[in-house]
Amino acid sequence: MKIVMMTNTYKPIVGGLEKSIEVFSNEFRKRGHKVLIIAPGFEGTEKNEKDIFRLPSIPNFNHTDFSVELPVSTQLNKVFKKFNPDIIHTHHPFLVGDTALRASAKFDIPIIFTNHTLYEENTHYVPGDSTAMKTFVIKLAKGYADLCDQVIAPSESVAELLKKRGVRVPIEVLPTGIYVNDFKKGDGDTFRKFYDIPPQAFAVGIISRLAEEKNILFVSKAVVTFLKKNKNAYFVMVGSGPLLEEIKSIFEKEKLSQRLITTGVLKNKQLVSAYAALDVFAFASHSETQGMVLAEAMAAGTPVVAVDAPGVREIVKDKQNGRIIKKDSIREFAACLDWVFKLSVKDRKDLSKNAQHTAQEYSVPLCVDKALKLYTLTIKLHRKEKDLENSLWRKAMRMLKMQSEIMANTSSAATSAVFGIPLTTMNNITKRIKKGFREFIKAGRKKDKSSCPH
């Protein structure tokens, strides 16, 4: 099978989405499949990358790690023709996502979309962020999903959310797998020695991009409350991001700087050892759809304290493998950290064993098997449809129809958000636009037939 992965972000950026693409792509290749990754270029990108095509782009859009693609040249068309993919797997509904839709239409290739993120939680990266912008993003993502053959949700709660929002295409739950056994091999003792964390100290940790959408300031303030009560406790922050200096200021103001450990971004063995060094993992993001770091922490035997959110409630079971609170409450979050801190040695070991047992459900082989079966089924169903009318006219109409639906979808979402027009009304308007388009095509067909020599 030949698979194209299309994404707005990829290495050298480090995050759950990028890791998901890398894990699945590597495993597909191990099983004999070919994978081509299409992503924008970024500062620090390795030279002579294999099986990756970099789109021209504007780096560091709006002071973020993300890039904005520029209009694509004919070079991408040549790449598609040469690779001749069986399926496109797109990982964003915007920017490169639109490019994926157009490629799917032009080359008549089935397309699958993974809804990795609750996009409305990330609108602060866009100039003019507002409630209207959040509404626009929700409607646009929903409309995008309906233009694909299949949608993947990383968790049950996200699948339910997409259904409530009206997504009509089939939705399959498929989390990103982790290498469970790898996370059992961390050297926590060496990690603690390197960062001067006493062997008997209680270590709370987070492994994350230090940005607003990760709710990192809330976690920091809750941990400060916990540390002030427990003098033999430390906070370990693995990652980097725009809020790093603000977090340091919070700890400095509370005279807790010596118990704040910042490591920057860690990879491979160092990352695994970081998990192993922790007594509890803290998590409060509302924008995740799976939260791979939760499964990774549990695979290392580290229980989790988290705020209830999509992708969290499926894995964190209160008082079994960690603690989960219903809403952002500094007092409650700190109390849950304290609950783990006060457990007996035996109870803490039981919590750790339960966490490792939960992580087994997210093993890479299980997730890869499911993904390949889904690809095969999607290709099969798409080919059935294609064989009904495999003509140049049909391909041209699909391309034109896709372009019109992208424009109609964008217009509907934007108008609903900005002018407050109910979505049902906008859907009716959109239907009229599409009906007009179909009448235009129909008229064009009649004209074409009348002009043909008999």
Protein backbone atom coordinates (compact mmCIF):
# COMPACT_ATOMS: atom_id res chain seq x y z
CA MET A 1 0.00 0.00 0.00
CA LYS A 2 1.19 3.54 -0.78
CA ILE A 3 0.19 6.07 1.88
CA VAL A 4 0.55 9.87 1.85
CA MET A 5 0.56 11.66 5.22
CA MET A 6 -0.22 15.39 4.99
CA THR A 7 0.31 17.72 7.95
CA ASN A 8 0.88 21.37 8.92
CA THR A 9 3.50 20.41 11.51
CA TYR A 10 6.23 17.81 11.62
CA LYS A 11 9.80 17.36 12.79
CA PRO A 12 11.78 19.13 14.15
CA ILE A 13 8.66 20.20 16.09
CA VAL A 14 8.08 17.81 18.99
CA GLY A 15 4.50 17.06 20.02
CA GLY A 16 1.80 14.42 20.14
CA LEU A 17 0.63 14.94 16.56
CA GLU A 18 4.14 14.82 15.13
CA LYS A 19 4.88 11.73 17.19
CA SER A 20 1.69 10.08 15.95
CA ILE A 21 2.67 10.59 12.30
CA GLU A 22 6.19 9.32 12.94
CA VAL A 23 5.07 6.21 14.85
CA PHE A 24 2.45 5.14 12.32
CA SER A 25 4.69 5.90 9.33
CA ASN A 26 7.63 3.92 10.73
CA GLU A 27 5.43 0.94 11.59
CA PHE A 28 3.73 0.95 8.19
CA ARG A 29 7.15 0.88 6.53
CA LYS A 30 8.28 -2.01 8.74
CA ARG A 31 5.31 -3.97 7.40
CA GLY A 32 6.30 -3.34 3.79
CA HIS A 33 4.11 -0.34 2.98
CA LYS A 34 5.41 2.87 1.42
CA VAL A 35 4.78 6.20 3.16
CA LEU A 36 5.37 9.74 1.90
CA ILE A 37 5.06 12.60 4.41
CA ILE A 38 4.11 16.02 3.01
CA ALA A 39 4.70 18.93 5.41
CA PRO A 40 5.85 22.58 5.36
CA GLY A 41 9.50 23.40 5.83
CA PHE A 42 10.70 24.52 9.26
CA GLU A 43 13.84 26.07 10.66
CA GLY A 44 16.14 23.26 11.78
CA THR A 45 14.77 20.72 9.29
CA GLU A 46 17.32 18.03 8.49
CA LYS A 47 18.87 18.02 5.06
CA ASN A 48 18.45 15.07 2.70
CA GLU A 49 15.32 13.77 4.45
CA LYS A 50 14.03 10.49 3.11
CA ASP A 51 10.39 10.00 2.10
CA ILE A 52 9.43 13.57 3.11
CA PHE A 53 8.38 16.34 0.73
CA ARG A 54 8.60 19.85 2.20
CA LEU A 55 6.13 22.46 1.01
CA PRO A 56 7.31 26.08 0.67
CA SER A 57 5.99 28.02 3.67
CA ILE A 58 6.17 31.06 5.93
CA PRO A 59 7.90 29.84 9.12
CA ASN A 60 6.96 30.81 12.70
CA PHE A 61 3.47 32.05 11.84
CA ASN A 62 2.33 34.70 14.35
CA HIS A 63 5.33 33.93 16.62
CA THR A 64 4.51 30.21 16.90
CA ASP A 65 6.25 26.98 15.86
CA PHE A 66 3.75 26.56 13.02
CA SER A 67 4.29 27.36 9.36
CA VAL A 68 1.81 28.68 6.81
CA GLU A 69 2.02 27.03 3.42
CA LEU A 70 2.44 29.16 0.32
CA PRO A 71 0.60 28.43 -2.93
CA VAL A 72 1.89 25.08 -4.11
CA SER A 73 3.73 24.84 -7.39
CA THR A 74 3.38 22.12 -9.97
CA GLN A 75 6.14 20.27 -8.12
CA LEU A 76 3.60 18.74 -5.71
CA ASN A 77 1.57 17.43 -8.65
CA LYS A 78 4.72 15.76 -9.95
CA VAL A 79 5.34 14.22 -6.52
CA PHE A 80 1.83 12.76 -6.45
CA LYS A 81 2.08 11.38 -9.95
CA LYS A 82 5.43 9.77 -9.23
CA PHE A 83 4.43 8.28 -5.85
CA ASN A 84 0.95 7.25 -7.09
CA PRO A 85 -0.63 6.85 -3.59
CA ASP A 86 -3.51 4.54 -2.72
CA ILE A 87 -4.75 6.78 0.10
CA ILE A 88 -4.21 10.23 1.63
CA HIS A 89 -4.21 10.62 5.41
CA THR A 90 -4.55 14.28 6.39
CA HIS A 91 -3.90 15.49 9.93
CA HIS A 92 -5.24 19.08 9.77
CA PRO A 93 -8.44 20.65 8.43
CA PHE A 94 -6.74 23.92 7.48
CA LEU A 95 -3.86 25.05 5.24
CA VAL A 96 -2.21 21.77 4.14
CA GLY A 97 -5.61 20.17 4.81
CA ASP A 98 -7.14 22.05 1.87
CA THR A 99 -4.20 20.97 -0.30
CA ALA A 100 -4.96 17.37 0.67
CA LEU A 101 -8.62 17.73 -0.36
CA ARG A 102 -7.67 19.14 -3.74
CA ALA A 103 -5.13 16.38 -4.32
CA SER A 104 -7.75 13.79 -3.39
CA ALA A 105 -10.17 15.26 -5.93
CA LYS A 106 -7.66 15.82 -8.70
CA PHE A 107 -6.10 12.36 -8.52
CA ASP A 108 -9.26 10.53 -7.36
CA ILE A 109 -7.65 9.18 -4.19
CA PRO A 110 -9.61 8.32 -1.00
CA ILE A 111 -8.88 10.63 1.93
CA ILE A 112 -8.96 10.03 5.69
CA PHE A 113 -8.83 12.84 8.27
CA THR A 114 -7.69 12.47 11.89
CA ASN A 115 -9.24 15.07 14.20
CA HIS A 116 -6.20 15.37 16.47
CA THR A 117 -7.12 18.58 18.28
CA LEU A 118 -10.04 20.56 19.62
CA TYR A 119 -9.20 23.40 17.26
CA GLU A 120 -11.30 25.99 19.05
CA GLU A 121 -8.83 25.80 21.95
CA ASN A 122 -6.02 27.05 19.70
CA THR A 123 -7.55 30.18 18.17
CA HIS A 124 -5.33 32.43 20.31
CA TYR A 125 -2.66 31.83 17.67
CA VAL A 126 -4.83 33.61 15.09
CA PRO A 127 -5.04 37.43 14.96
CA GLY A 128 -8.53 38.59 16.02
CA ASP A 129 -9.25 35.68 18.36
CA SER A 130 -12.81 35.81 19.68
CA THR A 131 -15.89 33.71 20.45
CA ALA A 132 -16.90 34.20 16.83
CA MET A 133 -13.53 32.85 15.71
CA LYS A 134 -14.00 29.76 17.88
CA THR A 135 -17.44 29.17 16.35
CA PHE A 136 -15.98 29.60 12.89
CA VAL A 137 -13.23 27.06 13.59
CA ILE A 138 -15.70 24.46 14.93
CA LYS A 139 -17.98 24.78 11.88
CA LEU A 140 -15.09 24.78 9.45
CA ALA A 141 -13.55 21.62 10.97
CA LYS A 142 -16.95 19.90 10.87
CA GLY A 143 -17.44 20.85 7.24
CA TYR A 144 -13.94 19.65 6.39
CA ALA A 145 -14.59 16.26 7.96
CA ASP A 146 -17.67 15.79 5.77
CA LEU A 147 -15.58 16.29 2.63
CA CYS A 148 -13.42 13.28 3.51
CA ASP A 149 -14.16 9.58 3.05
CA GLN A 150 -13.48 8.68 6.69
CA VAL A 151 -12.73 10.44 9.99
CA ILE A 152 -10.53 9.12 12.79
CA ALA A 153 -11.13 10.23 16.37
CA PRO A 154 -8.31 9.48 18.84
CA SER A 155 -10.80 8.77 21.65
CA GLU A 156 -14.44 7.82 22.26
CA SER A 157 -15.28 11.20 23.77
CA VAL A 158 -14.00 13.02 20.67
CA ALA A 159 -15.98 10.67 18.41
CA GLU A 160 -19.14 11.51 20.38
CA LEU A 161 -18.36 15.22 20.18
CA LEU A 162 -17.94 15.05 16.39
CA LYS A 163 -21.26 13.23 16.05
CA LYS A 164 -23.00 15.86 18.18
CA ARG A 165 -21.54 18.53 15.92
CA GLY A 166 -23.16 16.82 12.95
CA VAL A 167 -20.27 15.06 11.17
CA ARG A 168 -21.96 12.73 8.67
CA VAL A 169 -19.11 10.55 7.38
CA PRO A 170 -18.07 7.35 9.20
CA ILE A 171 -16.03 7.96 12.38
CA GLU A 172 -13.60 5.37 13.76
CA VAL A 173 -11.91 5.55 17.17
CA LEU A 174 -8.17 4.99 16.76
CA PRO A 175 -5.65 6.26 19.33
CA THR A 176 -1.98 6.65 18.53
CA GLY A 177 -0.05 3.70 19.92
CA ILE A 178 2.98 3.87 22.18
CA TYR A 179 5.91 1.50 22.60
CA VAL A 180 4.81 0.30 26.03
CA ASN A 181 7.91 -1.72 26.88
CA ASP A 182 10.25 1.17 26.03
CA PHE A 183 8.74 3.28 28.81
CA LYS A 184 9.54 0.60 31.38
CA LYS A 185 13.28 1.05 30.78
CA GLY A 186 13.80 4.54 32.18
CA ASP A 187 16.60 5.31 34.64
CA GLY A 188 14.86 7.59 37.10
CA ASP A 189 17.70 7.51 39.65
CA THR A 190 20.26 8.83 37.17
CA PHE A 191 17.82 11.50 36.02
CA ARG A 192 17.32 12.67 39.61
CA LYS A 193 21.04 12.80 40.28
CA PHE A 194 21.67 14.85 37.15
CA TYR A 195 19.04 17.46 38.12
CA ASP A 196 19.84 17.40 41.86
CA ILE A 197 16.50 15.97 42.94
CA PRO A 198 16.94 14.13 46.29
CA PRO A 199 16.24 10.37 46.08
CA GLN A 200 13.50 10.54 48.74
CA ALA A 201 11.85 13.70 47.39
CA PHE A 202 8.37 13.57 45.85
CA ALA A 203 8.51 14.65 42.19
CA VAL A 204 5.52 16.08 40.34
CA GLY A 205 6.12 16.45 36.64
CA ILE A 206 4.71 17.59 33.33
CA ILE A 207 5.96 16.86 29.82
CA SER A 208 4.42 19.36 27.48
CA ARG A 209 4.73 22.34 25.20
CA LEU A 210 4.64 25.25 27.64
CA ALA A 211 1.83 27.15 25.94
CA GLU A 212 -1.60 28.56 26.71
CA GLU A 213 -3.61 25.73 25.12
CA LYS A 214 -1.92 23.23 27.47
CA ASN A 215 -3.36 25.05 30.52
CA ILE A 216 0.14 25.09 31.90
CA LEU A 217 -0.30 28.17 34.12
CA PHE A 218 -3.14 26.45 35.97
CA VAL A 219 -0.96 23.39 36.60
CA SER A 220 1.91 25.57 37.79
CA LYS A 221 -0.26 27.44 40.28
CA ALA A 222 -1.75 24.20 41.61
CA VAL A 223 1.72 22.70 42.03
CA VAL A 224 2.87 25.85 43.85
CA THR A 225 -0.01 25.35 46.32
CA PHE A 226 1.07 21.74 46.80
CA LEU A 227 4.79 22.56 47.19
CA LYS A 228 4.10 25.22 49.81
CA LYS A 229 2.42 22.54 51.91
CA ASN A 230 5.03 19.83 51.30
CA LYS A 231 8.65 20.93 51.61
CA ASN A 232 10.09 17.65 50.34
CA ALA A 233 8.50 17.97 46.89
CA TYR A 234 9.74 19.21 43.49
CA PHE A 235 8.18 20.22 40.17
CA VAL A 236 9.81 18.92 36.96
CA MET A 237 8.92 20.65 33.69
CA VAL A 238 10.03 18.91 30.50
CA GLY A 239 9.47 20.99 27.39
CA SER A 240 9.71 24.51 26.09
CA GLY A 241 7.35 27.23 24.97
CA PRO A 242 6.26 30.86 25.28
CA LEU A 243 5.11 30.58 28.92
CA LEU A 244 8.40 29.32 30.35
CA GLU A 245 9.54 32.68 31.73
CA GLU A 246 6.13 33.45 33.21
CA ILE A 247 6.12 30.11 35.04
CA LYS A 248 9.60 30.80 36.39
CA SER A 249 8.35 34.15 37.66
CA ILE A 250 5.49 32.48 39.51
CA PHE A 251 7.89 30.17 41.34
CA GLU A 252 10.36 32.96 41.99
CA LYS A 253 7.64 35.13 43.52
CA GLU A 254 6.71 32.28 45.87
CA LYS A 255 10.40 31.63 46.68
CA LEU A 256 10.18 28.13 45.23
CA SER A 257 12.66 28.49 42.35
CA GLN A 258 15.05 25.92 43.83
CA ARG A 259 12.31 23.29 43.65
CA LEU A 260 11.44 24.02 40.02
CA ILE A 261 13.39 21.85 37.56
CA THR A 262 13.28 22.90 33.90
CA THR A 263 14.94 20.55 31.43
CA GLY A 264 13.94 21.87 28.04
CA VAL A 265 12.88 19.38 25.37
CA LEU A 266 14.03 15.80 26.00
CA LYS A 267 13.98 12.88 23.58
CA ASN A 268 14.47 9.12 23.51
CA LYS A 269 16.17 7.66 26.61
CA GLN A 270 16.28 10.98 28.44
CA LEU A 271 12.52 11.41 28.00
CA VAL A 272 11.81 7.87 29.19
CA SER A 273 14.01 8.44 32.24
CA ALA A 274 12.15 11.67 33.00
CA TYR A 275 8.88 9.74 33.24
CA ALA A 276 10.56 7.13 35.47
CA ALA A 277 11.87 9.85 37.81
CA LEU A 278 8.38 11.17 38.60
CA ASP A 279 6.07 10.10 41.40
CA VAL A 280 3.04 11.64 39.72
CA PHE A 281 2.31 13.16 36.32
CA ALA A 282 0.22 16.37 36.14
CA PHE A 283 -2.07 17.16 33.19
CA ALA A 284 -4.71 19.85 32.71
CA SER A 285 -4.99 20.48 28.96
CA HIS A 286 -8.50 20.86 27.54
CA SER A 287 -7.35 20.85 23.90
CA GLU A 288 -6.10 17.26 23.61
CA THR A 289 -8.09 14.52 21.93
CA GLN A 290 -6.00 11.68 23.32
CA GLY A 291 -3.11 12.92 25.40
CA MET A 292 -0.38 10.45 24.43
CA VAL A 293 1.72 11.63 27.34
CA LEU A 294 -0.84 10.11 29.73
CA ALA A 295 -0.36 6.65 28.23
CA GLU A 296 3.43 7.14 28.21
CA ALA A 297 3.47 8.16 31.87
CA MET A 298 1.34 5.17 32.82
CA ALA A 299 3.54 2.81 30.81
CA ALA A 300 6.41 4.03 32.99
CA GLY A 301 4.33 3.22 36.05
CA THR A 302 3.65 6.87 36.89
CA PRO A 303 0.08 7.64 38.02
CA VAL A 304 -1.65 10.74 36.65
CA VAL A 305 -3.52 13.65 38.22
CA ALA A 306 -5.62 15.36 35.54
CA VAL A 307 -8.57 17.60 34.77
CA ASP A 308 -11.49 15.89 33.05
CA ALA A 309 -11.46 16.48 29.28
CA PRO A 310 -11.89 14.56 26.00
CA GLY A 311 -9.13 11.99 25.66
CA VAL A 312 -8.46 12.12 29.41
CA ARG A 313 -11.53 10.45 30.87
CA GLU A 314 -10.93 7.33 28.74
CA ILE A 315 -7.58 6.62 30.35
CA VAL A 316 -7.53 8.18 33.85
CA LYS A 317 -9.67 6.25 36.32
CA ASP A 318 -10.09 8.02 39.64
CA LYS A 319 -8.23 6.34 42.51
CA GLN A 320 -7.31 3.38 40.27
CA ASN A 321 -4.43 4.71 38.14
CA GLY A 322 -4.50 8.33 39.29
CA ARG A 323 -6.93 11.13 40.12
CA ILE A 324 -9.26 13.15 37.93
CA ILE A 325 -11.15 16.32 38.82
CA LYS A 326 -14.20 17.70 36.98
CA LYS A 327 -13.07 21.29 36.46
CA ASP A 328 -10.12 23.63 36.88
CA SER A 329 -9.74 24.08 40.62
CA ILE A 330 -6.32 24.88 42.04
CA ARG A 331 -7.41 23.71 45.46
CA GLU A 332 -8.79 20.36 44.21
CA PHE A 333 -5.84 19.68 41.91
CA ALA A 334 -3.37 20.36 44.73
CA ALA A 335 -5.43 18.13 47.04
CA CYS A 336 -5.20 15.25 44.54
CA LEU A 337 -1.42 15.65 44.34
CA ASP A 338 -1.40 15.56 48.14
CA TRP A 339 -3.57 12.41 48.08
CA VAL A 340 -0.94 10.57 46.02
CA PHE A 341 1.83 12.00 48.21
CA LYS A 342 0.24 10.59 51.38
CA LEU A 343 -0.38 7.06 50.05
CA SER A 344 1.42 4.17 51.71
CA VAL A 345 4.25 2.48 49.82
CA LYS A 346 1.97 -0.46 49.04
CA ASP A 347 -0.93 1.69 47.80
CA ARG A 348 1.40 3.73 45.63
CA LYS A 349 2.78 0.53 44.08
CA ASP A 350 -0.77 -0.67 43.37
CA LEU A 351 -1.54 2.64 41.67
CA SER A 352 1.59 2.23 39.58
CA LYS A 353 0.70 -1.35 38.54
CA ASN A 354 -2.80 -0.27 37.54
CA ALA A 355 -1.33 2.51 35.44
CA GLN A 356 0.95 0.07 33.58
CA HIS A 357 -1.98 -2.25 32.99
CA THR A 358 -3.98 0.60 31.43
CA ALA A 359 -1.10 1.52 29.12
CA GLN A 360 -1.20 -1.93 27.49
CA GLU A 361 -4.43 -0.93 25.73
CA TYR A 362 -2.43 1.65 23.75
CA SER A 363 0.30 -0.61 22.37
CA VAL A 364 1.59 0.19 18.88
CA PRO A 365 0.85 -3.21 17.25
CA LEU A 366 -2.85 -3.03 18.18
CA CYS A 367 -3.24 0.51 16.85
CA VAL A 368 -1.30 -0.15 13.63
CA ASP A 369 -3.39 -3.26 12.85
CA LYS A 370 -6.55 -1.22 13.20
CA ALA A 371 -5.22 1.62 11.02
CA LEU A 372 -4.25 -0.68 8.15
CA LYS A 373 -7.65 -2.42 8.23
CA LEU A 374 -9.33 0.98 8.08
CA TYR A 375 -7.17 2.07 5.12
CA THR A 376 -7.98 -1.14 3.24
CA LEU A 377 -11.72 -0.77 3.82
CA THR A 378 -11.71 2.91 2.81
CA ILE A 379 -9.80 2.17 -0.40
CA LYS A 380 -12.17 -0.70 -1.21
CA LEU A 381 -15.29 1.39 -0.76
CA HIS A 382 -13.82 4.32 -2.67
CA ARG A 383 -12.81 2.12 -5.60
CA LYS A 384 -16.31 0.67 -5.82
CA GLU A 385 -17.62 4.17 -6.31
CA LYS A 386 -14.85 5.12 -8.75
CA ASP A 387 -15.48 2.14 -11.00
CA LEU A 388 -19.07 3.24 -11.60
CA GLU A 389 -17.95 6.12 -13.79
CA ASN A 390 -14.19 6.14 -14.23
CA SER A 391 -13.95 8.92 -16.77
CA LEU A 392 -12.05 12.14 -17.36
CA TRP A 393 -15.34 14.06 -17.09
CA ARG A 394 -16.08 12.59 -13.66
CA LYS A 395 -12.58 13.47 -12.44
CA ALA A 396 -12.95 17.03 -13.67
CA MET A 397 -16.37 17.35 -12.03
CA ARG A 398 -15.08 15.98 -8.74
CA MET A 399 -12.29 18.54 -8.77
CA LEU A 400 -14.67 21.42 -9.56
CA LYS A 401 -17.26 20.20 -7.06
CA MET A 402 -14.62 19.88 -4.32
CA GLN A 403 -13.45 23.45 -4.93
CA SER A 404 -17.01 24.76 -4.72
CA GLU A 405 -17.74 22.83 -1.52
CA ILE A 406 -14.55 24.08 0.13
CA MET A 407 -15.62 27.65 -0.64
CA ALA A 408 -19.23 27.03 0.47
CA ASN A 409 -18.05 25.37 3.69
CA THR A 410 -15.73 28.30 4.51
CA SER A 411 -18.44 30.84 3.71
CA SER A 412 -21.06 29.03 5.82
CA ALA A 413 -18.81 28.74 8.88
CA ALA A 414 -17.59 32.32 8.66
CA THR A 415 -21.04 33.85 8.19
CA SER A 416 -22.55 31.80 11.01
CA ALA A 417 -19.79 32.90 13.39
CA VAL A 418 -19.47 36.55 12.44
CA PHE A 419 -23.09 37.52 11.83
CA GLY A 420 -24.78 35.16 14.27
CA ILE A 421 -26.92 33.49 11.61
CA PRO A 422 -28.14 30.09 12.89
CA LEU A 423 -26.23 27.18 11.40
CA THR A 424 -29.48 25.59 10.11
CA THR A 425 -30.17 28.74 8.10
CA MET A 426 -26.61 28.76 6.80
CA ASN A 427 -26.90 25.09 5.89
CA ASN A 428 -29.99 25.90 3.80
CA ILE A 429 -28.11 28.72 2.08
CA THR A 430 -25.16 26.38 1.47
CA LYS A 431 -27.52 23.76 0.01
CA ARG A 432 -28.89 26.37 -2.39
CA ILE A 433 -25.36 27.28 -3.46
CA LYS A 434 -24.54 23.60 -4.07
CA LYS A 435 -27.87 23.09 -5.89
CA GLY A 436 -27.06 26.04 -8.12
CA PHE A 437 -23.66 24.52 -8.80
CA ARG A 438 -25.25 21.17 -9.73
CA GLU A 439 -27.67 22.95 -12.10
CA PHE A 440 -24.69 24.72 -13.65
CA ILE A 441 -22.92 21.39 -14.18
CA LYS A 442 -26.11 19.83 -15.56
CA ALA A 443 -26.53 22.67 -18.03
CA GLY A 444 -22.90 22.31 -19.01
CA ARG A 445 -23.38 18.60 -19.71
CA LYS A 446 -26.40 19.31 -21.94
CA LYS A 447 -24.47 21.95 -23.80
CA ASP A 448 -21.53 19.60 -24.21
CA LYS A 449 -23.77 16.83 -25.61
CA SER A 450 -25.53 19.19 -28.02
CA SER A 451 -22.21 20.33 -29.44
CA CYS A 452 -20.88 16.81 -30.01
CA PRO A 453 -20.90 15.54 -33.61
CA HIS A 454 -23.20 12.50 -34.13
